[in-house]
PDB file of N, CA and C in Angstrom:
ATOM      1  N   MET A   1       5.358 -11.995 -31.721  1.00  0.00           N
ATOM      2  CA  MET A   1       4.808 -11.118 -30.708  1.00  0.00           C
ATOM      3  C   MET A   1       5.676 -11.195 -29.446  1.00  0.00           C
ATOM      4  N   LYS A   2       6.004 -10.059 -28.901  1.00  0.00           N
ATOM      5  CA  LYS A   2       6.830 -10.010 -27.700  1.00  0.00           C
ATOM      6  C   LYS A   2       5.934  -9.933 -26.462  1.00  0.00           C
ATOM      7  N   ASN A   3       6.212 -10.795 -25.478  1.00  0.00           N
ATOM      8  CA  ASN A   3       5.474 -10.748 -24.221  1.00  0.00           C
ATOM      9  C   ASN A   3       5.975  -9.592 -23.373  1.00  0.00           C
ATOM     10  N   GLU A   4       5.050  -8.874 -22.751  1.00  0.00           N
ATOM     11  CA  GLU A   4       5.413  -7.818 -21.816  1.00  0.00           C
ATOM     12  C   GLU A   4       4.998  -8.279 -20.423  1.00  0.00           C
ATOM     13  N   PHE A   5       5.936  -8.241 -19.496  1.00  0.00           N
ATOM     14  CA  PHE A   5       5.685  -8.706 -18.137  1.00  0.00           C
ATOM     15  C   PHE A   5       5.613  -7.518 -17.185  1.00  0.00           C
ATOM     16  N   PRO A   6       4.875  -7.671 -16.101  1.00  0.00           N
ATOM     17  CA  PRO A   6       4.875  -6.620 -15.081  1.00  0.00           C
ATOM     18  C   PRO A   6       6.281  -6.445 -14.507  1.00  0.00           C
ATOM     19  N   LYS A   7       6.516  -5.296 -13.918  1.00  0.00           N
ATOM     20  CA  LYS A   7       7.812  -5.018 -13.305  1.00  0.00           C
ATOM     21  C   LYS A   7       8.171  -6.128 -12.318  1.00  0.00           C
ATOM     22  N   GLY A   8       9.392  -6.639 -12.424  1.00  0.00           N
ATOM     23  CA  GLY A   8       9.860  -7.695 -11.532  1.00  0.00           C
ATOM     24  C   GLY A   8       9.580  -9.106 -12.032  1.00  0.00           C
ATOM     25  N   TRP A   9       8.845  -9.226 -13.129  1.00  0.00           N
ATOM     26  CA  TRP A   9       8.520 -10.527 -13.695  1.00  0.00           C
ATOM     27  C   TRP A   9       9.300 -10.734 -14.989  1.00  0.00           C
ATOM     28  N   ASP A  10       9.590 -12.002 -15.291  1.00  0.00           N
ATOM     29  CA  ASP A  10      10.218 -12.376 -16.552  1.00  0.00           C
ATOM     30  C   ASP A  10       9.715 -13.767 -16.923  1.00  0.00           C
ATOM     31  N   GLU A  11      10.165 -14.273 -18.057  1.00  0.00           N
ATOM     32  CA  GLU A  11       9.709 -15.579 -18.535  1.00  0.00           C
ATOM     33  C   GLU A  11       9.956 -16.684 -17.511  1.00  0.00           C
ATOM     34  N   ALA A  12      11.115 -16.653 -16.854  1.00  0.00           N
ATOM     35  CA  ALA A  12      11.454 -17.692 -15.874  1.00  0.00           C
ATOM     36  C   ALA A  12      10.472 -17.671 -14.700  1.00  0.00           C
ATOM     37  N   ARG A  13      10.117 -16.478 -14.235  1.00  0.00           N
ATOM     38  CA  ARG A  13       9.185 -16.381 -13.102  1.00  0.00           C
ATOM     39  C   ARG A  13       7.794 -16.868 -13.510  1.00  0.00           C
ATOM     40  N   VAL A  14       7.381 -16.547 -14.714  1.00  0.00           N
ATOM     41  CA  VAL A  14       6.082 -17.010 -15.205  1.00  0.00           C
ATOM     42  C   VAL A  14       6.060 -18.528 -15.271  1.00  0.00           C
ATOM     43  N   GLN A  15       7.107 -19.128 -15.825  1.00  0.00           N
ATOM     44  CA  GLN A  15       7.173 -20.590 -15.940  1.00  0.00           C
ATOM     45  C   GLN A  15       7.181 -21.255 -14.569  1.00  0.00           C
ATOM     46  N   LEU A  16       7.897 -20.672 -13.621  1.00  0.00           N
ATOM     47  CA  LEU A  16       7.938 -21.210 -12.258  1.00  0.00           C
ATOM     48  C   LEU A  16       6.546 -21.173 -11.623  1.00  0.00           C
ATOM     49  N   THR A  17       5.840 -20.071 -11.825  1.00  0.00           N
ATOM     50  CA  THR A  17       4.489 -19.934 -11.283  1.00  0.00           C
ATOM     51  C   THR A  17       3.542 -20.941 -11.922  1.00  0.00           C
ATOM     52  N   LEU A  18       3.620 -21.078 -13.244  1.00  0.00           N
ATOM     53  CA  LEU A  18       2.780 -22.058 -13.940  1.00  0.00           C
ATOM     54  C   LEU A  18       3.047 -23.478 -13.447  1.00  0.00           C
ATOM     55  N   THR A  19       4.309 -23.817 -13.313  1.00  0.00           N
ATOM     56  CA  THR A  19       4.680 -25.153 -12.842  1.00  0.00           C
ATOM     57  C   THR A  19       4.115 -25.405 -11.451  1.00  0.00           C
ATOM     58  N   SER A  20       4.209 -24.413 -10.604  1.00  0.00           N
ATOM     59  CA  SER A  20       3.703 -24.542  -9.237  1.00  0.00           C
ATOM     60  C   SER A  20       2.198 -24.815  -9.223  1.00  0.00           C
ATOM     61  N   TYR A  21       1.438 -24.009  -9.972  1.00  0.00           N
ATOM     62  CA  TYR A  21      -0.018 -24.184  -9.978  1.00  0.00           C
ATOM     63  C   TYR A  21      -0.441 -25.465 -10.696  1.00  0.00           C
ATOM     64  N   GLU A  22       0.256 -25.839 -11.750  1.00  0.00           N
ATOM     65  CA  GLU A  22      -0.102 -27.051 -12.478  1.00  0.00           C
ATOM     66  C   GLU A  22       0.159 -28.316 -11.674  1.00  0.00           C
ATOM     67  N   SER A  23       1.076 -28.258 -10.716  1.00  0.00           N
ATOM     68  CA  SER A  23       1.378 -29.444  -9.912  1.00  0.00           C
ATOM     69  C   SER A  23       0.632 -29.444  -8.576  1.00  0.00           C
ATOM     70  N   GLN A  24      -0.142 -28.400  -8.316  1.00  0.00           N
ATOM     71  CA  GLN A  24      -0.869 -28.272  -7.043  1.00  0.00           C
ATOM     72  C   GLN A  24      -2.060 -29.229  -7.007  1.00  0.00           C
ATOM     73  N   SER A  25      -2.265 -29.872  -5.870  1.00  0.00           N
ATOM     74  CA  SER A  25      -3.420 -30.755  -5.727  1.00  0.00           C
ATOM     75  C   SER A  25      -4.690 -29.909  -5.605  1.00  0.00           C
ATOM     76  N   GLU A  26      -5.827 -30.530  -5.851  1.00  0.00           N
ATOM     77  CA  GLU A  26      -7.100 -29.818  -5.736  1.00  0.00           C
ATOM     78  C   GLU A  26      -7.322 -29.323  -4.305  1.00  0.00           C
ATOM     79  N   ASP A  27      -6.976 -30.170  -3.325  1.00  0.00           N
ATOM     80  CA  ASP A  27      -7.135 -29.768  -1.923  1.00  0.00           C
ATOM     81  C   ASP A  27      -6.266 -28.556  -1.587  1.00  0.00           C
ATOM     82  N   ASP A  28      -5.030 -28.546  -2.089  1.00  0.00           N
ATOM     83  CA  ASP A  28      -4.150 -27.401  -1.846  1.00  0.00           C
ATOM     84  C   ASP A  28      -4.678 -26.143  -2.531  1.00  0.00           C
ATOM     85  N   ALA A  29      -5.242 -26.300  -3.707  1.00  0.00           N
ATOM     86  CA  ALA A  29      -5.802 -25.145  -4.419  1.00  0.00           C
ATOM     87  C   ALA A  29      -6.986 -24.561  -3.655  1.00  0.00           C
ATOM     88  N   VAL A  30      -7.858 -25.414  -3.149  1.00  0.00           N
ATOM     89  CA  VAL A  30      -9.006 -24.951  -2.366  1.00  0.00           C
ATOM     90  C   VAL A  30      -8.531 -24.258  -1.094  1.00  0.00           C
ATOM     91  N   ALA A  31      -7.560 -24.836  -0.411  1.00  0.00           N
ATOM     92  CA  ALA A  31      -7.029 -24.225   0.813  1.00  0.00           C
ATOM     93  C   ALA A  31      -6.440 -22.846   0.524  1.00  0.00           C
ATOM     94  N   GLU A  32      -5.726 -22.718  -0.594  1.00  0.00           N
ATOM     95  CA  GLU A  32      -5.151 -21.420  -0.961  1.00  0.00           C
ATOM     96  C   GLU A  32      -6.249 -20.401  -1.243  1.00  0.00           C
ATOM     97  N   ASP A  33      -7.284 -20.821  -1.963  1.00  0.00           N
ATOM     98  CA  ASP A  33      -8.398 -19.919  -2.254  1.00  0.00           C
ATOM     99  C   ASP A  33      -9.090 -19.463  -0.977  1.00  0.00           C
ATOM    100  N   GLU A  34      -9.336 -20.397  -0.081  1.00  0.00           N
ATOM    101  CA  GLU A  34     -10.035 -20.066   1.161  1.00  0.00           C
ATOM    102  C   GLU A  34      -9.193 -19.174   2.072  1.00  0.00           C
ATOM    103  N   ALA A  35      -7.897 -19.351   2.046  1.00  0.00           N
ATOM    104  CA  ALA A  35      -7.015 -18.541   2.897  1.00  0.00           C
ATOM    105  C   ALA A  35      -6.989 -17.084   2.443  1.00  0.00           C
ATOM    106  N   GLY A  36      -7.313 -16.828   1.183  1.00  0.00           N
ATOM    107  CA  GLY A  36      -7.265 -15.471   0.662  1.00  0.00           C
ATOM    108  C   GLY A  36      -8.525 -14.669   0.873  1.00  0.00           C
ATOM    109  N   VAL A  37      -9.525 -15.245   1.528  1.00  0.00           N
ATOM    110  CA  VAL A  37     -10.800 -14.576   1.736  1.00  0.00           C
ATOM    111  C   VAL A  37     -10.997 -14.306   3.225  1.00  0.00           C
ATOM    112  N   LEU A  38     -11.263 -13.044   3.541  1.00  0.00           N
ATOM    113  CA  LEU A  38     -11.527 -12.673   4.932  1.00  0.00           C
ATOM    114  C   LEU A  38     -12.911 -13.161   5.341  1.00  0.00           C
ATOM    115  N   PRO A  39     -13.142 -13.377   6.637  1.00  0.00           N
ATOM    116  CA  PRO A  39     -14.461 -13.835   7.086  1.00  0.00           C
ATOM    117  C   PRO A  39     -15.602 -12.883   6.691  1.00  0.00           C
ATOM    118  N   SER A  40     -15.287 -11.610   6.512  1.00  0.00           N
ATOM    119  CA  SER A  40     -16.319 -10.633   6.140  1.00  0.00           C
ATOM    120  C   SER A  40     -16.513 -10.529   4.625  1.00  0.00           C
ATOM    121  N   GLU A  41     -15.799 -11.361   3.857  1.00  0.00           N
ATOM    122  CA  GLU A  41     -15.876 -11.315   2.402  1.00  0.00           C
ATOM    123  C   GLU A  41     -16.472 -12.600   1.837  1.00  0.00           C
ATOM    124  N   SER A  42     -16.819 -12.528   0.560  1.00  0.00           N
ATOM    125  CA  SER A  42     -17.321 -13.689  -0.151  1.00  0.00           C
ATOM    126  C   SER A  42     -16.817 -13.648  -1.586  1.00  0.00           C
ATOM    127  N   VAL A  43     -16.673 -14.796  -2.191  1.00  0.00           N
ATOM    128  CA  VAL A  43     -16.255 -14.896  -3.581  1.00  0.00           C
ATOM    129  C   VAL A  43     -17.440 -15.426  -4.372  1.00  0.00           C
ATOM    130  N   ILE A  44     -17.780 -14.716  -5.461  1.00  0.00           N
ATOM    131  CA  ILE A  44     -18.907 -15.142  -6.302  1.00  0.00           C
ATOM    132  C   ILE A  44     -18.522 -15.032  -7.774  1.00  0.00           C
ATOM    133  N   ARG A  45     -19.266 -15.738  -8.599  1.00  0.00           N
ATOM    134  CA  ARG A  45     -19.112 -15.614 -10.047  1.00  0.00           C
ATOM    135  C   ARG A  45     -20.072 -14.525 -10.513  1.00  0.00           C
ATOM    136  N   VAL A  46     -19.564 -13.664 -11.395  1.00  0.00           N
ATOM    137  CA  VAL A  46     -20.367 -12.578 -11.938  1.00  0.00           C
ATOM    138  C   VAL A  46     -20.225 -12.601 -13.457  1.00  0.00           C
ATOM    139  N   PRO A  47     -21.335 -12.532 -14.178  1.00  0.00           N
ATOM    140  CA  PRO A  47     -21.220 -12.459 -15.633  1.00  0.00           C
ATOM    141  C   PRO A  47     -20.369 -11.247 -16.037  1.00  0.00           C
ATOM    142  N   ARG A  48     -19.512 -11.434 -17.039  1.00  0.00           N
ATOM    143  CA  ARG A  48     -18.584 -10.372 -17.445  1.00  0.00           C
ATOM    144  C   ARG A  48     -19.284  -9.048 -17.724  1.00  0.00           C
ATOM    145  N   ASP A  49     -20.452  -9.108 -18.321  1.00  0.00           N
ATOM    146  CA  ASP A  49     -21.121  -7.856 -18.670  1.00  0.00           C
ATOM    147  C   ASP A  49     -21.639  -7.101 -17.445  1.00  0.00           C
ATOM    148  N   LEU A  50     -21.595  -7.701 -16.268  1.00  0.00           N
ATOM    149  CA  LEU A  50     -22.026  -7.032 -15.036  1.00  0.00           C
ATOM    150  C   LEU A  50     -20.862  -6.616 -14.140  1.00  0.00           C
ATOM    151  N   VAL A  51     -19.636  -6.987 -14.498  1.00  0.00           N
ATOM    152  CA  VAL A  51     -18.474  -6.715 -13.637  1.00  0.00           C
ATOM    153  C   VAL A  51     -18.328  -5.227 -13.336  1.00  0.00           C
ATOM    154  N   ALA A  52     -18.436  -4.381 -14.332  1.00  0.00           N
ATOM    155  CA  ALA A  52     -18.279  -2.939 -14.109  1.00  0.00           C
ATOM    156  C   ALA A  52     -19.327  -2.417 -13.130  1.00  0.00           C
ATOM    157  N   GLN A  53     -20.562  -2.875 -13.254  1.00  0.00           N
ATOM    158  CA  GLN A  53     -21.627  -2.431 -12.353  1.00  0.00           C
ATOM    159  C   GLN A  53     -21.383  -2.919 -10.923  1.00  0.00           C
ATOM    160  N   VAL A  54     -20.907  -4.139 -10.787  1.00  0.00           N
ATOM    161  CA  VAL A  54     -20.604  -4.676  -9.456  1.00  0.00           C
ATOM    162  C   VAL A  54     -19.472  -3.882  -8.819  1.00  0.00           C
ATOM    163  N   ARG A  55     -18.449  -3.554  -9.589  1.00  0.00           N
ATOM    164  CA  ARG A  55     -17.351  -2.739  -9.065  1.00  0.00           C
ATOM    165  C   ARG A  55     -17.860  -1.389  -8.579  1.00  0.00           C
ATOM    166  N   GLU A  56     -18.746  -0.764  -9.347  1.00  0.00           N
ATOM    167  CA  GLU A  56     -19.309   0.525  -8.941  1.00  0.00           C
ATOM    168  C   GLU A  56     -20.072   0.394  -7.625  1.00  0.00           C
ATOM    169  N   LEU A  57     -20.831  -0.674  -7.467  1.00  0.00           N
ATOM    170  CA  LEU A  57     -21.554  -0.899  -6.217  1.00  0.00           C
ATOM    171  C   LEU A  57     -20.603  -1.043  -5.032  1.00  0.00           C
ATOM    172  N   ILE A  58     -19.518  -1.755  -5.241  1.00  0.00           N
ATOM    173  CA  ILE A  58     -18.531  -1.948  -4.170  1.00  0.00           C
ATOM    174  C   ILE A  58     -17.890  -0.615  -3.798  1.00  0.00           C
ATOM    175  N   VAL A  59     -17.541   0.175  -4.798  1.00  0.00           N
ATOM    176  CA  VAL A  59     -16.949   1.498  -4.523  1.00  0.00           C
ATOM    177  C   VAL A  59     -17.920   2.349  -3.728  1.00  0.00           C
ATOM    178  N   ARG A  60     -19.188   2.370  -4.131  1.00  0.00           N
ATOM    179  CA  ARG A  60     -20.193   3.151  -3.391  1.00  0.00           C
ATOM    180  C   ARG A  60     -20.360   2.636  -1.966  1.00  0.00           C
ATOM    181  N   HIS A  61     -20.322   1.323  -1.802  1.00  0.00           N
ATOM    182  CA  HIS A  61     -20.473   0.722  -0.479  1.00  0.00           C
ATOM    183  C   HIS A  61     -19.345   1.148   0.461  1.00  0.00           C
ATOM    184  N   HIS A  62     -18.129   1.185  -0.075  1.00  0.00           N
ATOM    185  CA  HIS A  62     -16.969   1.557   0.739  1.00  0.00           C
ATOM    186  C   HIS A  62     -16.814   3.069   0.847  1.00  0.00           C
ATOM    187  N   GLY A  63     -17.561   3.803  -0.006  1.00  0.00           N
ATOM    188  CA  GLY A  63     -17.614   5.264  -0.052  1.00  0.00           C
ATOM    189  C   GLY A  63     -16.499   5.938   0.584  1.00  0.00           C
TER     190      GLY A  63
END
């Protein structure tokens, strides 16, 4: 099976990214996650079967 990568990505870039995340400390991972969320946003877990409905709600909210 041949891997297909997004434009600008290749096997070397994937391996570099994996290496980076696999060597990251838990504290650094939490800091990275928190830095990616705006104060007006929240991150939650959603059951997969509800993801489409949640997306629709968000689209309607941003109308």
